[in-house]
Protein backbone atom coordinates (compact mmCIF):
# COMPACT_ATOMS: atom_id res chain seq x y z
CA MET A 1 84.08 85.83 76.18
CA ILE A 2 83.77 89.22 74.78
CA LYS A 3 80.47 88.70 73.21
CA ARG A 4 78.98 86.54 76.19
CA GLY A 5 81.29 88.81 79.15
CA SER A 6 80.00 86.28 82.05
CA LYS A 7 82.27 85.56 84.41
CA PRO A 8 82.59 81.65 83.07
CA ASP A 9 83.82 83.49 79.97
CA VAL A 10 86.39 85.29 81.65
CA GLU A 11 87.76 82.30 83.67
CA ALA A 12 87.78 79.72 80.79
CA TRP A 13 89.79 83.10 78.81
CA VAL A 14 92.03 82.94 81.81
CA ALA A 15 92.53 79.37 82.47
CA THR A 16 93.96 78.89 78.43
CA GLY A 17 97.64 80.26 79.97
CA ARG A 18 100.03 81.69 77.75
CA SER A 19 97.93 80.83 74.96
CA GLY A 20 95.18 82.90 76.16
CA VAL A 21 97.79 85.78 76.97
CA LEU A 22 98.84 85.73 73.39
CA THR A 23 95.31 85.89 72.17
CA LEU A 24 94.73 88.93 74.48
CA ARG A 25 97.74 90.31 72.45
CA GLU A 26 96.36 89.58 69.52
CA ALA A 27 93.09 91.42 70.28
CA VAL A 28 94.20 94.60 71.89
CA THR A 29 97.06 95.57 68.97
CA GLY A 30 94.38 95.11 65.84
CA GLY A 31 93.82 98.70 64.75
CA SER A 32 92.86 100.66 67.59
CA GLY A 33 92.48 98.06 70.04
CA ARG A 34 88.95 96.92 68.39
CA MET A 35 87.41 93.98 67.74
CA ALA A 36 84.62 94.13 65.19
CA LEU A 37 81.99 91.59 66.64
CA GLU A 38 78.37 91.30 65.32
CA GLY A 39 75.68 92.57 67.40
CA VAL A 40 78.07 93.69 70.11
CA HIS A 41 78.37 97.40 71.02
CA ASP A 42 82.05 98.94 70.90
CA ARG A 43 81.60 100.13 74.35
CA ASP A 44 80.87 96.18 75.56
CA VAL A 45 83.90 95.36 73.50
CA LEU A 46 86.42 97.85 75.27
CA ASP A 47 85.11 96.85 78.52
CA GLY A 48 85.42 93.15 77.90
CA LEU A 49 88.68 93.59 76.86
CA ALA A 50 89.90 95.58 80.14
CA THR A 51 88.06 93.13 82.31
CA ALA A 52 89.99 90.49 80.26
CA SER A 53 93.30 92.24 80.59
CA ALA A 54 92.90 92.37 84.33
CA ALA A 55 91.95 88.95 85.10
CA ILE A 56 94.75 87.56 82.81
CA ALA A 57 97.55 89.74 84.39
CA GLU A 58 96.17 89.02 87.75
CA ARG A 59 96.18 85.37 87.05
CA GLN A 60 98.66 85.15 84.62
CA PRO A 61 101.59 87.57 85.82
CA ASP A 62 104.77 86.18 84.42
CA GLU A 63 103.36 85.51 80.76
CA PHE A 64 101.26 88.82 81.20
CA LEU A 65 104.83 90.59 81.47
CA GLU A 66 106.64 88.93 79.27
CA VAL A 67 103.89 88.63 76.20
CA PHE A 68 103.47 92.55 76.78
CA GLU A 69 107.30 93.42 77.28
CA ASP A 70 108.27 95.65 74.59
CA PRO A 71 107.96 99.68 75.68
CA ALA A 72 105.28 100.39 72.70
CA PHE A 73 102.85 98.20 74.89
CA ASP A 74 103.20 100.87 77.70
CA GLU A 75 100.96 102.86 75.62
CA ASN A 76 98.09 100.71 75.69
CA THR A 77 95.33 101.16 77.95
CA PHE A 78 94.63 97.51 78.25
CA VAL A 79 97.98 96.77 79.01
CA LEU A 80 98.13 99.38 81.51
CA THR A 81 95.24 98.19 83.11
CA GLY A 82 96.69 94.48 82.70
CA LEU A 83 99.80 96.12 84.79
CA GLY A 84 97.61 97.24 87.29
CA HIS A 85 96.89 94.20 88.49
CA ILE A 86 100.01 92.83 88.67
CA ASP A 87 102.01 93.02 92.04
CA ASP A 88 105.53 93.51 90.58
CA ALA A 89 108.18 96.27 90.84
CA ARG A 90 108.32 95.85 86.74
CA ALA A 91 104.54 97.10 85.96
CA THR A 92 104.84 99.61 88.70
CA THR A 93 107.69 100.86 86.81
CA ARG A 94 105.67 101.37 83.79
CA LEU A 95 102.78 102.45 85.19
CA VAL A 96 105.23 105.50 87.17
CA ALA A 97 106.40 106.29 83.75
CA ALA A 98 102.88 105.72 82.16
CA ALA A 99 101.99 108.82 84.67
CA ALA A 100 104.07 110.72 83.11
CA SER A 101 102.96 110.42 79.58
CA ARG A 102 101.30 113.39 77.18
CA ASN A 103 98.48 111.50 76.59
CA LYS A 104 95.90 111.75 79.60
CA ASP A 105 94.44 108.33 79.06
CA LEU A 106 97.32 106.78 79.84
CA ARG A 107 97.88 109.03 82.70
CA MET A 108 94.48 108.20 83.71
CA HIS A 109 94.89 104.35 83.68
CA ALA A 110 98.37 104.56 85.37
CA ALA A 111 96.43 106.81 88.11
CA ILE A 112 94.07 103.62 88.53
CA GLY A 113 96.76 100.96 88.53
CA LEU A 114 98.99 103.19 91.19
CA GLY A 115 96.34 103.16 94.17
CA ARG A 116 96.93 99.14 94.23
CA ARG A 117 100.92 99.89 95.26
CA PRO A 118 101.64 100.84 98.85
CA VAL A 119 105.17 101.82 97.67
CA PRO A 120 106.45 105.35 98.03
CA ASP A 121 107.09 105.86 93.84
CA ALA A 122 103.35 105.01 92.97
CA ARG A 123 102.66 107.71 96.04
CA ILE A 124 105.03 109.86 94.65
CA ALA A 125 103.44 109.72 90.75
CA LEU A 126 100.11 109.91 92.34
CA MET A 127 100.36 113.32 93.89
CA GLY A 128 102.01 114.81 91.09
CA LEU A 129 98.78 113.62 89.27
CA LEU A 130 96.80 115.53 91.83
CA ALA A 131 97.73 118.66 89.54
CA ASP A 132 97.15 117.22 86.27
CA PRO A 133 94.84 119.28 83.85
CA ASP A 134 92.79 116.87 83.32
CA PHE A 135 89.64 116.40 85.55
CA LEU A 136 89.34 112.61 85.44
CA VAL A 137 93.33 112.18 85.94
CA ARG A 138 92.91 113.81 89.15
CA HIS A 139 89.95 112.21 89.94
CA HIS A 140 91.69 109.12 90.05
CA ALA A 141 94.71 109.82 91.44
CA SER A 142 92.72 111.17 94.27
CA ARG A 143 90.84 107.91 94.49
CA SER A 144 93.91 105.86 94.40
CA LEU A 145 95.54 108.26 97.11
CA ALA A 146 92.94 107.46 99.19
CA ALA A 147 92.86 103.76 98.69
CA LEU A 148 96.48 103.51 99.54
CA ASP A 149 95.95 105.23 102.67
CA GLY A 150 92.51 102.85 103.97
CA ILE A 151 90.32 105.72 103.04
CA ASP A 152 87.18 104.34 100.86
CA GLN A 153 86.41 107.76 99.84
CA PRO A 154 88.79 110.95 99.29
CA SER A 155 87.76 113.32 101.97
CA GLY A 156 87.00 116.32 98.85
CA GLU A 157 86.45 115.64 95.27
CA VAL A 158 89.17 117.00 93.17
CA ASP A 159 86.96 119.45 91.13
CA GLU A 160 87.83 121.77 88.28
CA ALA A 161 88.18 124.34 90.29
CA SER A 162 90.55 122.77 93.16
CA ILE A 163 93.83 122.56 90.99
CA GLY A 164 94.72 125.04 88.91
């Protein structure tokens, strides 16, 4: 799937159910989460794993939550990507917690995933991320809040100077 990256390949992986979720866990926990595939650029591997995480989580939410229930997975951006595609209070709670992480990549992925959650906890976490020291975290928090409000684009992009 990752080597070809086609939609049918993703669908085939998702259709494997729990075994596909377990395979995903092996893929995202190996070393730094990277798989060495001959002839495939590292960026394509990362994008493929993120795509698979989102698709598998969306179609197999209970299995995803069970397989990735260990709190150690809350520091894995692929898992956070998957959690962002699960409509479940447990996923929201984990994303809100990631929004408070010291790691800017985790905060950014939390900001993206929380944009699909029209609940007060998500909105509060996103509002807090608007003051984040990292531009990309602020950017994604702004976009997610706009999405929650049904706006295609935020009215004013959060730039480096707009928030101290």
